[in-house]
Every structure is written in structure tokens, then in C-alpha cells.
Amino acid sequence: MKRKRVVVLGATGSIGESALKVAHDIPERMEIVGLAANRNAQKLAAQANKVRPPAVCLVDETKVGELRAALEYEPRIFSGESGLVEIACLAEAEMVLVAVVGTGGLQPALAAIEAGKDLAVASKEILVMAGEIVMREAGKKGVQILPVDSEHNAIFQCLEGRFQGSGFRVQEGGSAERNFSEIRNLKPETCADVRRLILTASGGPFRNTPASEFEGITVEQALKHPTWNMGPKITIDSATLFNKGLEMIEAHWLFGVEMKRVEVVIHPQSIVHSMVEFSDGSVLAQLSHSDMCFPIQYAVTWPERVANSLPPLDFGRVRQLEFATPRYEDFPALNLARRAGEIGGTLPAVLNAANEIAVSAFLERKISFPRIWETVSAVMDRHTNVAHPDLDAILRADLWARDEAAGFVKSLHC
């Protein structure tokens, strides 16, 4: 069995921590060769001292001295945004796990693709902003884009189930290897018989809260996610359902299906991570406990499944599985995301950037909870879209949207 050599971007976040757990759990299949973080020098050093990768990166260059002093060995140290790109292209790496919050993971991801590295994608922004470019470049280089988001990993597994038994090739010596060439690089024709991709959403802390009470929602209330333990930004996105809206656009690019075939259903238990409905009405679903170690491991070991220490699902304790239609009028993030995904071009990047500014303003108590949606909608309405943009056009749209959103927030705050 071959070990996959992995660089983790965003090592000190929740996804990064889970990736380290997976590496510890299946050391014969996963080796960490690089760790990168934004500014938490002490935590990055502690992780590196434990795992001993040959390279580390800290984006905040002012804290590199602190990192070096805390390290108990002498790895290669990269720093700054350029350092993030360099470690993503590390010669000994085979896969780059991108778990950087926000847009900071886009350029390292594209650099990794150019260097021929497979990507395990946990950062939604990469495909939301530049899905057309990322998937095109990955196709040119013949590299894998493997989803780490639990929902997209679930869809990937369901599509894989659709091709189970589609072919085996017998290797020399008589061992059989399953041939997954049809889903190795998913194309639109791969999903021709897919009626719907159904993303599940916990609904966040306010799924039963009347819209009349949204104005009084506090930051503390919004940060209490009922299922997942995540960073502040993604937790607020889960409360507004922007997280699920971004995932709709991500699914559109990952699996090559039109936005109209991507739907969301509320599922509070977060046991069913997503589903695929086929043209004959059959539905395949992927179920497991709510633990990011499951999708991370599968992205690393795919197309094989490897035993681990994660708890199995005990159906005797799963008392009920509930599903409900989202409250689209009360949570407009889903419709805003669908509009951005259907129009395409630079509009998804604008949606993403405006949302980041609005979430930050809410966390800083400058605007109320419903103003997050209002800000994003206003900025999208003011944008002049660019179809089939190159990377420069996407980055310009991102900067424009941030400035526009900041101005809108200031007008609300005043």
C-alpha cells in the first residue's frame, strides 16, 4: 500500500486539525510533507514538532521568528503569500489539501495544479470564484480535484456507487483493480442520468426561528452551530445558509451539472450528508457521523477504502431522520447563490466577496443579521458582469465587490 504525501494549507484550522488526525490514524496511507498556516505561529510549530514535515509555511511574515524559535527541528520555512504558493508546489508532495478560509487558497491551488498536484478541496471559494478556470486547468494537467466538503464528498461517493461494477481490469498476477476512469475526471456526460444533486443542510441555529426575530439575533447566538465545530466565518455562513449557497455553485463545477439540478434540503441530524437522484427516480445517499475525518480520509485514499478508528454509525441510536424544504424567502442566500451560479462569469466572485465583508461587519457588530443578505444582494445588483473571465478579471471583481460592500455597510452603519 502506497502512502499519499500531502501538503495541508490551513493546518491550524478545524479542517487542518482533522487532516492531522487522519494522518495519525492511517500512517501507512497518509504522510504530511508540508504544513501551512496564516498567523498562528505557536500552533503551527506544535503541529510541526509532532508530525515533522520537511516544510512549513507561515503567511504572516512578522511571526516567522516566533515560529522558528518554537520549532524543535529545522524544516524548510516558507513565508508570505509567495511562500504559500511555493509550499503548494513542493516537489515531494502528491496532493495539496486546501483548507484556507476565504480567497487566499485560490492562487496556491492553481499553482499546485500547474505543478501536477492533485487537489483535495475544502475551501469553497476556490470553485465559487474560479470554478471554470480550476476545472479547465485540472483537465489540461490530468490532475484530480477531490472534494473534502462533507456534502460534495458524499455526492462523489454516490456517483461512484452509480459506477460500481462498471468494470475491473485484471493486473499481472491476477489481482483485480476497479476501473473508475469514468469518474476519475468528472465530465457533464458522466452525470447525464442524474436528475438532482441534493445537498443536505443542518439549517443552522435559526431554522425554526421566525423571520420577525432575525433583527435581534446576536453574534453569540449565530456562532452556536447545532452540529459542527467550525471557525467564525463559516459558522455565520451556516446560520445565513450562504454556506449552502456557495456549496451549490461548487457542486455545479465539480460535477458538471446545471444549477437547476442542484438543490438543498434541510436535514437537522446531519447524518445524511447528501444524495443523488437518478433519472429513474432512484436515490443514493451517503451516511456517517458528523466528523470531517471521514471525507478527508476518503479524498486521500480514493478509490480505496481503508479501515480506521472512527466510530461506525449505530442505526439503533439514530431515532429519526428529518427532512424539510428550506425557507427560501426567510433565508435569501440560496436564491442569491442560484442566481450567481446560473449567470456565472464574475458574479459568483462578487457574491462571495460581498458576503465575506458582510459577515465580518456582523461579527464586529456593525450590522444586524438580516443586513448580511441585504449587503450581498445590493452589491450583486450593482455589478457589471464579465462572462468567461480570466483570473485577473476575477480578482478585480473580488476587489471591487469588497470595496462596494464596505461602502454599503458603512451607509447602513451610519
Protein backbone atom coordinates (compact mmCIF):
# COMPACT_ATOMS: atom_id res chain seq x y z
CA MET A 1 0.00 0.00 0.00
CA LYS A 2 1.35 3.40 -1.02
CA ARG A 3 1.34 6.41 1.27
CA LYS A 4 -0.06 9.64 -0.15
CA ARG A 5 2.28 12.58 0.51
CA VAL A 6 0.13 15.60 1.40
CA VAL A 7 0.65 19.33 1.98
CA VAL A 8 -2.02 20.90 4.22
CA LEU A 9 -2.85 24.57 3.61
CA GLY A 10 -4.79 25.93 6.59
CA ALA A 11 -3.28 23.44 9.02
CA THR A 12 -4.28 25.22 12.23
CA GLY A 13 -7.98 25.42 11.35
CA SER A 14 -10.59 22.76 12.05
CA ILE A 15 -10.10 21.00 8.69
CA GLY A 16 -6.33 21.05 9.14
CA GLU A 17 -6.63 19.56 12.60
CA SER A 18 -8.87 16.81 11.24
CA ALA A 19 -6.35 16.12 8.47
CA LEU A 20 -3.65 15.59 11.09
CA LYS A 21 -5.93 13.17 12.93
CA VAL A 22 -6.44 11.21 9.73
CA ALA A 23 -2.69 11.06 9.09
CA HIS A 24 -2.17 9.78 12.63
CA ASP A 25 -4.96 7.23 12.23
CA ILE A 26 -3.75 5.77 8.91
CA PRO A 27 0.02 6.45 8.85
CA GLU A 28 0.54 3.68 6.32
CA ARG A 29 -1.60 5.59 3.80
CA MET A 30 -1.03 9.29 4.50
CA GLU A 31 2.14 11.28 5.15
CA ILE A 32 2.17 15.01 5.89
CA VAL A 33 5.07 16.63 4.00
CA GLY A 34 4.05 20.27 4.43
CA LEU A 35 2.00 22.40 6.82
CA ALA A 36 0.91 25.99 6.21
CA ALA A 37 -0.97 28.45 8.40
CA ASN A 38 -1.88 32.12 8.30
CA ARG A 39 -0.61 33.63 11.54
CA ASN A 40 -0.79 31.13 14.44
CA ALA A 41 2.94 30.50 14.83
CA GLN A 42 2.75 28.61 18.11
CA LYS A 43 0.07 26.17 16.97
CA LEU A 44 1.81 25.58 13.65
CA ALA A 45 5.08 24.88 15.47
CA ALA A 46 3.37 22.44 17.84
CA GLN A 47 1.84 20.58 14.89
CA ALA A 48 5.13 20.53 13.01
CA ASN A 49 7.06 19.29 16.06
CA LYS A 50 4.65 16.39 16.30
CA VAL A 51 4.43 15.47 12.60
CA ARG A 52 7.92 16.58 11.49
CA PRO A 53 7.13 17.58 7.89
CA PRO A 54 10.13 18.69 5.80
CA ALA A 55 8.49 22.07 5.08
CA VAL A 56 6.26 24.60 6.87
CA CYS A 57 4.84 27.97 5.86
CA LEU A 58 3.54 30.94 7.85
CA VAL A 59 1.82 33.62 5.77
CA ASP A 60 2.30 36.32 8.42
CA GLU A 61 5.95 37.21 7.86
CA THR A 62 6.16 39.18 11.12
CA LYS A 63 5.78 35.95 13.09
CA VAL A 64 8.34 33.80 11.30
CA GLY A 65 10.88 34.43 14.05
CA GLU A 66 8.38 33.22 16.63
CA LEU A 67 7.76 30.11 14.54
CA ARG A 68 11.45 29.36 14.11
CA ALA A 69 12.09 29.73 17.85
CA ALA A 70 9.28 27.30 18.71
CA LEU A 71 10.36 24.60 16.25
CA GLU A 72 12.30 21.67 17.69
CA TYR A 73 13.85 20.71 14.35
CA GLU A 74 14.92 22.53 11.16
CA PRO A 75 12.40 22.25 8.32
CA ARG A 76 12.36 24.46 5.26
CA ILE A 77 10.41 27.59 6.23
CA PHE A 78 8.35 29.50 3.69
CA SER A 79 6.55 32.75 4.42
CA GLY A 80 4.15 35.24 2.89
CA GLU A 81 1.65 34.73 0.10
CA SER A 82 4.50 33.64 -2.18
CA GLY A 83 5.51 31.06 0.41
CA LEU A 84 2.02 29.59 0.31
CA VAL A 85 2.41 29.11 -3.43
CA GLU A 86 5.88 27.60 -3.00
CA ILE A 87 4.82 25.02 -0.42
CA ALA A 88 1.81 24.11 -2.59
CA CYS A 89 4.30 23.15 -5.31
CA LEU A 90 6.59 21.15 -3.02
CA ALA A 91 8.42 18.56 -5.12
CA GLU A 92 7.81 15.66 -2.74
CA ALA A 93 4.07 16.33 -2.46
CA GLU A 94 1.46 14.40 -4.45
CA MET A 95 -1.65 16.11 -3.08
CA VAL A 96 -2.46 19.55 -1.66
CA LEU A 97 -5.32 19.81 0.81
CA VAL A 98 -6.66 23.37 0.52
CA ALA A 99 -8.44 24.40 3.72
CA VAL A 100 -7.69 28.13 3.65
CA VAL A 101 -10.65 30.31 4.64
CA GLY A 102 -11.58 32.94 2.09
CA THR A 103 -9.86 33.66 -1.22
CA GLY A 104 -6.29 33.07 -0.03
CA GLY A 105 -6.27 29.49 -1.29
CA LEU A 106 -7.02 30.30 -4.94
CA GLN A 107 -3.55 31.15 -6.24
CA PRO A 108 -1.81 28.29 -4.33
CA ALA A 109 -4.44 25.89 -5.68
CA LEU A 110 -3.84 26.99 -9.27
CA ALA A 111 -0.08 26.77 -8.72
CA ALA A 112 -0.45 23.24 -7.34
CA ILE A 113 -2.48 22.22 -10.40
CA GLU A 114 0.18 23.69 -12.69
CA ALA A 115 2.78 21.66 -10.77
CA GLY A 116 0.76 18.48 -11.35
CA LYS A 117 -0.50 18.02 -7.78
CA ASP A 118 -3.91 16.54 -7.03
CA LEU A 119 -6.17 18.86 -5.03
CA ALA A 120 -8.33 17.94 -2.06
CA VAL A 121 -10.62 20.95 -1.86
CA ALA A 122 -12.16 22.13 1.41
CA SER A 123 -12.15 25.85 0.54
CA LYS A 124 -15.41 26.59 -1.27
CA GLU A 125 -14.14 29.92 -2.54
CA ILE A 126 -11.75 28.25 -5.00
CA LEU A 127 -14.54 26.78 -7.11
CA VAL A 128 -17.08 29.52 -6.38
CA MET A 129 -14.77 32.24 -7.66
CA ALA A 130 -12.90 30.41 -10.38
CA GLY A 131 -14.58 27.06 -10.97
CA GLU A 132 -14.37 27.40 -14.75
CA ILE A 133 -10.63 28.09 -14.65
CA VAL A 134 -9.80 25.50 -11.98
CA MET A 135 -11.65 22.64 -13.67
CA ARG A 136 -10.27 23.56 -17.10
CA GLU A 137 -6.66 23.68 -15.86
CA ALA A 138 -7.08 20.45 -13.90
CA GLY A 139 -8.35 18.77 -17.07
CA LYS A 140 -5.34 20.03 -19.03
CA LYS A 141 -2.89 18.75 -16.42
CA GLY A 142 -4.76 15.49 -15.79
CA VAL A 143 -4.88 16.06 -12.02
CA GLN A 144 -7.67 15.09 -9.65
CA ILE A 145 -9.97 17.58 -7.92
CA LEU A 146 -11.30 15.64 -4.95
CA PRO A 147 -13.97 17.18 -2.69
CA VAL A 148 -13.41 17.37 1.06
CA ASP A 149 -16.62 19.23 1.97
CA SER A 150 -18.76 16.52 3.51
CA GLU A 151 -21.64 17.26 1.13
CA HIS A 152 -19.59 17.10 -2.06
CA ASN A 153 -17.61 14.12 -0.86
CA ALA A 154 -20.96 12.42 -0.24
CA ILE A 155 -22.15 13.20 -3.78
CA PHE A 156 -18.84 11.93 -5.14
CA GLN A 157 -19.32 8.66 -3.25
CA CYS A 158 -22.91 8.35 -4.52
CA LEU A 159 -21.76 8.88 -8.10
CA GLU A 160 -19.03 6.36 -7.52
CA GLY A 161 -21.71 3.94 -6.35
CA ARG A 162 -23.52 4.54 -9.62
CA PHE A 163 -20.43 3.19 -11.42
CA GLN A 164 -19.76 0.26 -9.07
CA GLY A 165 -19.26 -2.84 -11.14
CA SER A 166 -18.77 -0.81 -14.32
CA GLY A 167 -15.50 -2.59 -14.94
CA PHE A 168 -12.49 -4.28 -13.45
CA ARG A 169 -9.16 -4.79 -15.07
CA VAL A 170 -7.02 -7.74 -14.11
CA GLN A 171 -3.43 -6.87 -13.36
CA GLU A 172 -0.46 -9.11 -13.82
CA GLY A 173 -0.58 -11.66 -11.02
CA GLY A 174 -4.33 -11.92 -11.13
CA SER A 175 -5.36 -9.12 -8.74
CA ALA A 176 -8.40 -7.11 -9.75
CA GLU A 177 -8.35 -3.32 -9.77
CA ARG A 178 -11.61 -1.46 -10.11
CA ASN A 179 -11.64 0.82 -13.13
CA PHE A 180 -13.02 4.23 -12.10
CA SER A 181 -11.86 6.05 -15.20
CA GLU A 182 -15.38 7.33 -15.84
CA ILE A 183 -15.48 9.31 -12.60
CA ARG A 184 -11.76 9.99 -12.22
CA ASN A 185 -12.30 13.29 -14.03
CA LEU A 186 -16.00 14.01 -13.96
CA LYS A 187 -17.50 15.47 -17.14
CA PRO A 188 -21.06 16.59 -17.90
CA GLU A 189 -21.82 13.33 -19.71
CA THR A 190 -20.86 11.44 -16.55
CA CYS A 191 -23.94 12.90 -14.85
CA ALA A 192 -26.27 12.65 -17.85
CA ASP A 193 -28.63 10.31 -15.98
CA VAL A 194 -28.57 12.42 -12.79
CA ARG A 195 -31.85 14.20 -12.12
CA ARG A 196 -30.80 16.06 -8.98
CA LEU A 197 -27.84 16.58 -6.70
CA ILE A 198 -29.37 17.11 -3.26
CA LEU A 199 -27.18 18.89 -0.70
CA THR A 200 -28.26 18.48 2.89
CA ALA A 201 -28.11 21.40 5.35
CA SER A 202 -28.49 21.28 9.12
CA GLY A 203 -30.43 24.53 8.86
CA GLY A 204 -28.18 26.21 11.39
CA PRO A 205 -29.29 27.60 14.75
CA PHE A 206 -32.23 29.58 13.31
CA ARG A 207 -34.01 27.02 11.16
CA ASN A 208 -37.10 27.30 13.40
CA THR A 209 -36.71 30.98 14.30
CA PRO A 210 -39.44 33.27 12.91
CA ALA A 211 -38.14 35.84 10.44
CA SER A 212 -39.66 38.54 12.64
CA GLU A 213 -36.96 37.79 15.24
CA PHE A 214 -33.97 37.91 12.87
CA GLU A 215 -33.22 41.57 13.56
CA GLY A 216 -32.46 40.78 17.19
CA ILE A 217 -30.10 37.86 16.56
CA THR A 218 -26.80 38.33 18.39
CA VAL A 219 -23.32 37.30 17.32
CA GLU A 220 -23.18 34.84 20.20
CA GLN A 221 -26.41 33.17 19.09
CA ALA A 222 -25.26 32.94 15.48
CA LEU A 223 -21.98 31.30 16.50
CA LYS A 224 -23.74 28.41 18.25
CA HIS A 225 -23.96 25.87 15.43
CA PRO A 226 -26.06 22.84 16.41
CA THR A 227 -23.84 20.27 14.69
CA TRP A 228 -20.40 21.37 13.55
CA ASN A 229 -17.47 23.00 15.35
CA MET A 230 -16.10 25.46 12.82
CA GLY A 231 -14.45 28.87 12.54
CA PRO A 232 -16.50 32.09 12.93
CA LYS A 233 -16.89 32.92 9.25
CA ILE A 234 -18.17 29.53 8.11
CA THR A 235 -20.37 29.27 11.22
CA ILE A 236 -22.11 32.53 10.32
CA ASP A 237 -22.40 31.31 6.72
CA SER A 238 -24.17 28.22 8.04
CA ALA A 239 -26.57 30.40 10.02
CA THR A 240 -27.46 32.52 6.96
CA LEU A 241 -27.35 29.48 4.61
CA PHE A 242 -24.76 31.25 2.44
CA ASN A 243 -22.56 28.25 3.18
CA LYS A 244 -25.06 26.05 1.39
CA GLY A 245 -25.44 28.57 -1.41
CA LEU A 246 -21.70 28.51 -2.04
CA GLU A 247 -21.83 24.71 -1.99
CA MET A 248 -24.48 24.77 -4.74
CA ILE A 249 -22.10 26.67 -7.02
CA GLU A 250 -19.24 24.38 -6.00
CA ALA A 251 -21.30 21.29 -6.90
CA HIS A 252 -22.19 22.83 -10.27
CA TRP A 253 -18.50 23.00 -11.19
CA LEU A 254 -17.28 19.82 -9.51
CA PHE A 255 -19.85 17.56 -11.12
CA GLY A 256 -20.61 19.41 -14.34
CA VAL A 257 -24.36 19.78 -13.78
CA GLU A 258 -26.58 22.79 -14.38
CA MET A 259 -27.58 24.88 -11.36
CA LYS A 260 -31.21 23.87 -11.87
CA ARG A 261 -30.26 20.30 -10.98
CA VAL A 262 -28.62 21.28 -7.68
CA GLU A 263 -30.98 21.50 -4.73
CA VAL A 264 -30.87 21.86 -0.95
CA VAL A 265 -32.87 20.06 1.71
CA ILE A 266 -32.83 20.76 5.45
CA HIS A 267 -31.70 17.76 7.48
CA PRO A 268 -31.09 18.70 11.15
CA GLN A 269 -29.44 15.43 12.19
CA SER A 270 -26.56 15.81 9.69
CA ILE A 271 -26.35 12.03 9.25
CA VAL A 272 -27.23 12.00 5.55
CA HIS A 273 -24.52 14.20 4.06
CA SER A 274 -26.01 14.47 0.58
CA MET A 275 -27.96 12.49 -2.01
CA VAL A 276 -28.11 11.89 -5.74
CA GLU A 277 -31.39 11.26 -7.54
CA PHE A 278 -31.13 9.48 -10.89
CA SER A 279 -33.38 9.69 -13.93
CA ASP A 280 -35.30 6.57 -12.90
CA GLY A 281 -36.24 8.11 -9.53
CA SER A 282 -33.75 6.06 -7.51
CA VAL A 283 -31.84 7.96 -4.81
CA LEU A 284 -28.43 7.11 -3.40
CA ALA A 285 -27.35 8.70 -0.11
CA GLN A 286 -24.14 8.72 1.89
CA LEU A 287 -24.44 8.49 5.68
CA SER A 288 -21.93 8.76 8.52
CA HIS A 289 -21.34 10.57 11.78
CA SER A 290 -20.67 14.31 11.54
CA ASP A 291 -16.88 14.11 11.53
CA MET A 292 -14.71 15.73 8.86
CA CYS A 293 -12.18 12.92 9.20
CA PHE A 294 -14.47 10.75 7.05
CA PRO A 295 -14.38 12.89 3.86
CA ILE A 296 -10.73 13.86 4.35
CA GLN A 297 -9.67 10.22 4.57
CA TYR A 298 -11.69 9.25 1.52
CA ALA A 299 -10.20 12.06 -0.55
CA VAL A 300 -6.71 10.85 0.41
CA THR A 301 -7.25 7.10 -0.05
CA TRP A 302 -9.67 7.18 -3.03
CA PRO A 303 -10.51 4.98 -4.83
CA GLU A 304 -9.79 2.61 -1.95
CA ARG A 305 -11.50 2.40 1.44
CA VAL A 306 -9.27 1.93 4.47
CA ALA A 307 -10.17 0.78 7.98
CA ASN A 308 -9.77 3.40 10.71
CA SER A 309 -10.68 4.13 14.33
CA LEU A 310 -13.67 6.37 13.51
CA PRO A 311 -16.94 5.29 15.15
CA PRO A 312 -19.36 3.30 12.98
CA LEU A 313 -22.92 4.52 12.54
CA ASP A 314 -25.21 2.79 15.07
CA PHE A 315 -28.66 2.74 13.47
CA GLY A 316 -30.14 1.61 16.77
CA ARG A 317 -29.35 5.07 18.13
CA VAL A 318 -30.48 7.01 15.08
CA ARG A 319 -34.04 7.59 16.21
CA GLN A 320 -35.19 9.69 13.28
CA LEU A 321 -34.01 11.35 10.10
CA GLU A 322 -35.92 14.56 9.31
CA PHE A 323 -36.04 16.45 6.03
CA ALA A 324 -37.67 19.77 5.16
CA THR A 325 -37.77 22.32 2.35
CA PRO A 326 -35.64 25.42 3.05
CA ARG A 327 -37.44 28.68 3.90
CA TYR A 328 -36.26 30.47 0.75
CA GLU A 329 -37.98 33.79 1.47
CA ASP A 330 -36.66 33.97 5.02
CA PHE A 331 -33.13 32.81 4.05
CA PRO A 332 -32.49 34.52 0.67
CA ALA A 333 -28.87 33.30 0.45
CA LEU A 334 -29.93 30.22 -1.54
CA ASN A 335 -31.70 32.23 -4.24
CA LEU A 336 -28.84 34.74 -4.43
CA ALA A 337 -26.37 31.90 -4.91
CA ARG A 338 -28.55 30.20 -7.52
CA ARG A 339 -28.74 33.47 -9.45
CA ALA A 340 -24.95 33.90 -9.29
CA GLY A 341 -24.32 30.32 -10.36
CA GLU A 342 -26.76 30.47 -13.26
CA ILE A 343 -25.39 33.76 -14.61
CA GLY A 344 -21.78 32.78 -13.93
CA GLY A 345 -18.89 34.95 -15.03
CA THR A 346 -17.61 37.22 -12.26
CA LEU A 347 -20.91 37.29 -10.36
CA PRO A 348 -20.11 34.30 -8.08
CA ALA A 349 -16.86 36.01 -7.06
CA VAL A 350 -18.84 39.17 -6.28
CA LEU A 351 -21.33 37.21 -4.18
CA ASN A 352 -18.51 35.55 -2.25
CA ALA A 353 -16.54 38.76 -1.63
CA ALA A 354 -19.58 40.79 -0.58
CA ASN A 355 -20.60 38.04 1.81
CA GLU A 356 -17.14 37.98 3.42
CA ILE A 357 -17.32 41.73 4.08
CA ALA A 358 -20.89 41.50 5.39
CA VAL A 359 -20.08 38.58 7.72
CA SER A 360 -17.07 40.46 9.07
CA ALA A 361 -19.25 43.51 9.70
CA PHE A 362 -21.80 41.40 11.54
CA LEU A 363 -19.10 39.78 13.70
CA GLU A 364 -17.84 43.28 14.50
CA ARG A 365 -21.43 44.22 15.46
CA LYS A 366 -21.62 46.93 12.79
CA ILE A 367 -24.72 45.50 11.09
CA SER A 368 -27.60 43.25 12.07
CA PHE A 369 -28.03 39.65 10.93
CA PRO A 370 -30.51 40.33 8.06
CA ARG A 371 -28.23 43.05 6.68
CA ILE A 372 -25.79 40.31 5.59
CA TRP A 373 -28.24 39.21 2.87
CA GLU A 374 -29.13 42.81 2.08
CA THR A 375 -25.49 43.76 1.56
CA VAL A 376 -24.77 40.85 -0.79
CA SER A 377 -27.93 41.47 -2.81
CA ALA A 378 -27.18 45.17 -3.20
CA VAL A 379 -23.60 44.57 -4.38
CA MET A 380 -24.70 41.89 -6.85
CA ASP A 381 -27.30 44.30 -8.28
CA ARG A 382 -24.63 46.95 -8.84
CA HIS A 383 -22.15 44.66 -10.58
CA THR A 384 -21.48 44.68 -14.33
CA ASN A 385 -20.82 41.02 -15.03
CA VAL A 386 -17.91 39.69 -17.11
CA ALA A 387 -18.56 36.37 -18.84
CA HIS A 388 -15.82 33.70 -19.01
CA PRO A 389 -13.35 35.82 -17.06
CA ASP A 390 -9.64 35.18 -16.72
CA LEU A 391 -8.01 35.17 -13.28
CA ASP A 392 -7.21 38.90 -13.39
CA ALA A 393 -10.85 39.76 -14.11
CA ILE A 394 -11.98 37.55 -11.23
CA LEU A 395 -9.55 39.18 -8.82
CA ARG A 396 -10.61 42.65 -9.99
CA ALA A 397 -14.27 41.75 -9.43
CA ASP A 398 -13.38 40.42 -5.99
CA LEU A 399 -11.67 43.69 -5.01
CA TRP A 400 -14.48 45.79 -6.49
CA ALA A 401 -17.10 43.82 -4.54
CA ARG A 402 -15.20 44.19 -1.28
CA ASP A 403 -14.97 47.96 -1.70
CA GLU A 404 -18.62 48.19 -2.73
CA ALA A 405 -19.75 46.03 0.19
CA ALA A 406 -17.67 48.02 2.67
CA GLY A 407 -19.28 51.22 1.39
CA PHE A 408 -22.74 49.72 1.66
CA VAL A 409 -22.04 48.51 5.20
CA LYS A 410 -20.82 51.99 6.14
CA SER A 411 -24.03 53.53 4.82
CA LEU A 412 -26.07 51.06 6.90
CA HIS A 413 -23.93 51.69 9.96
CA CYS A 414 -24.29 55.45 9.65
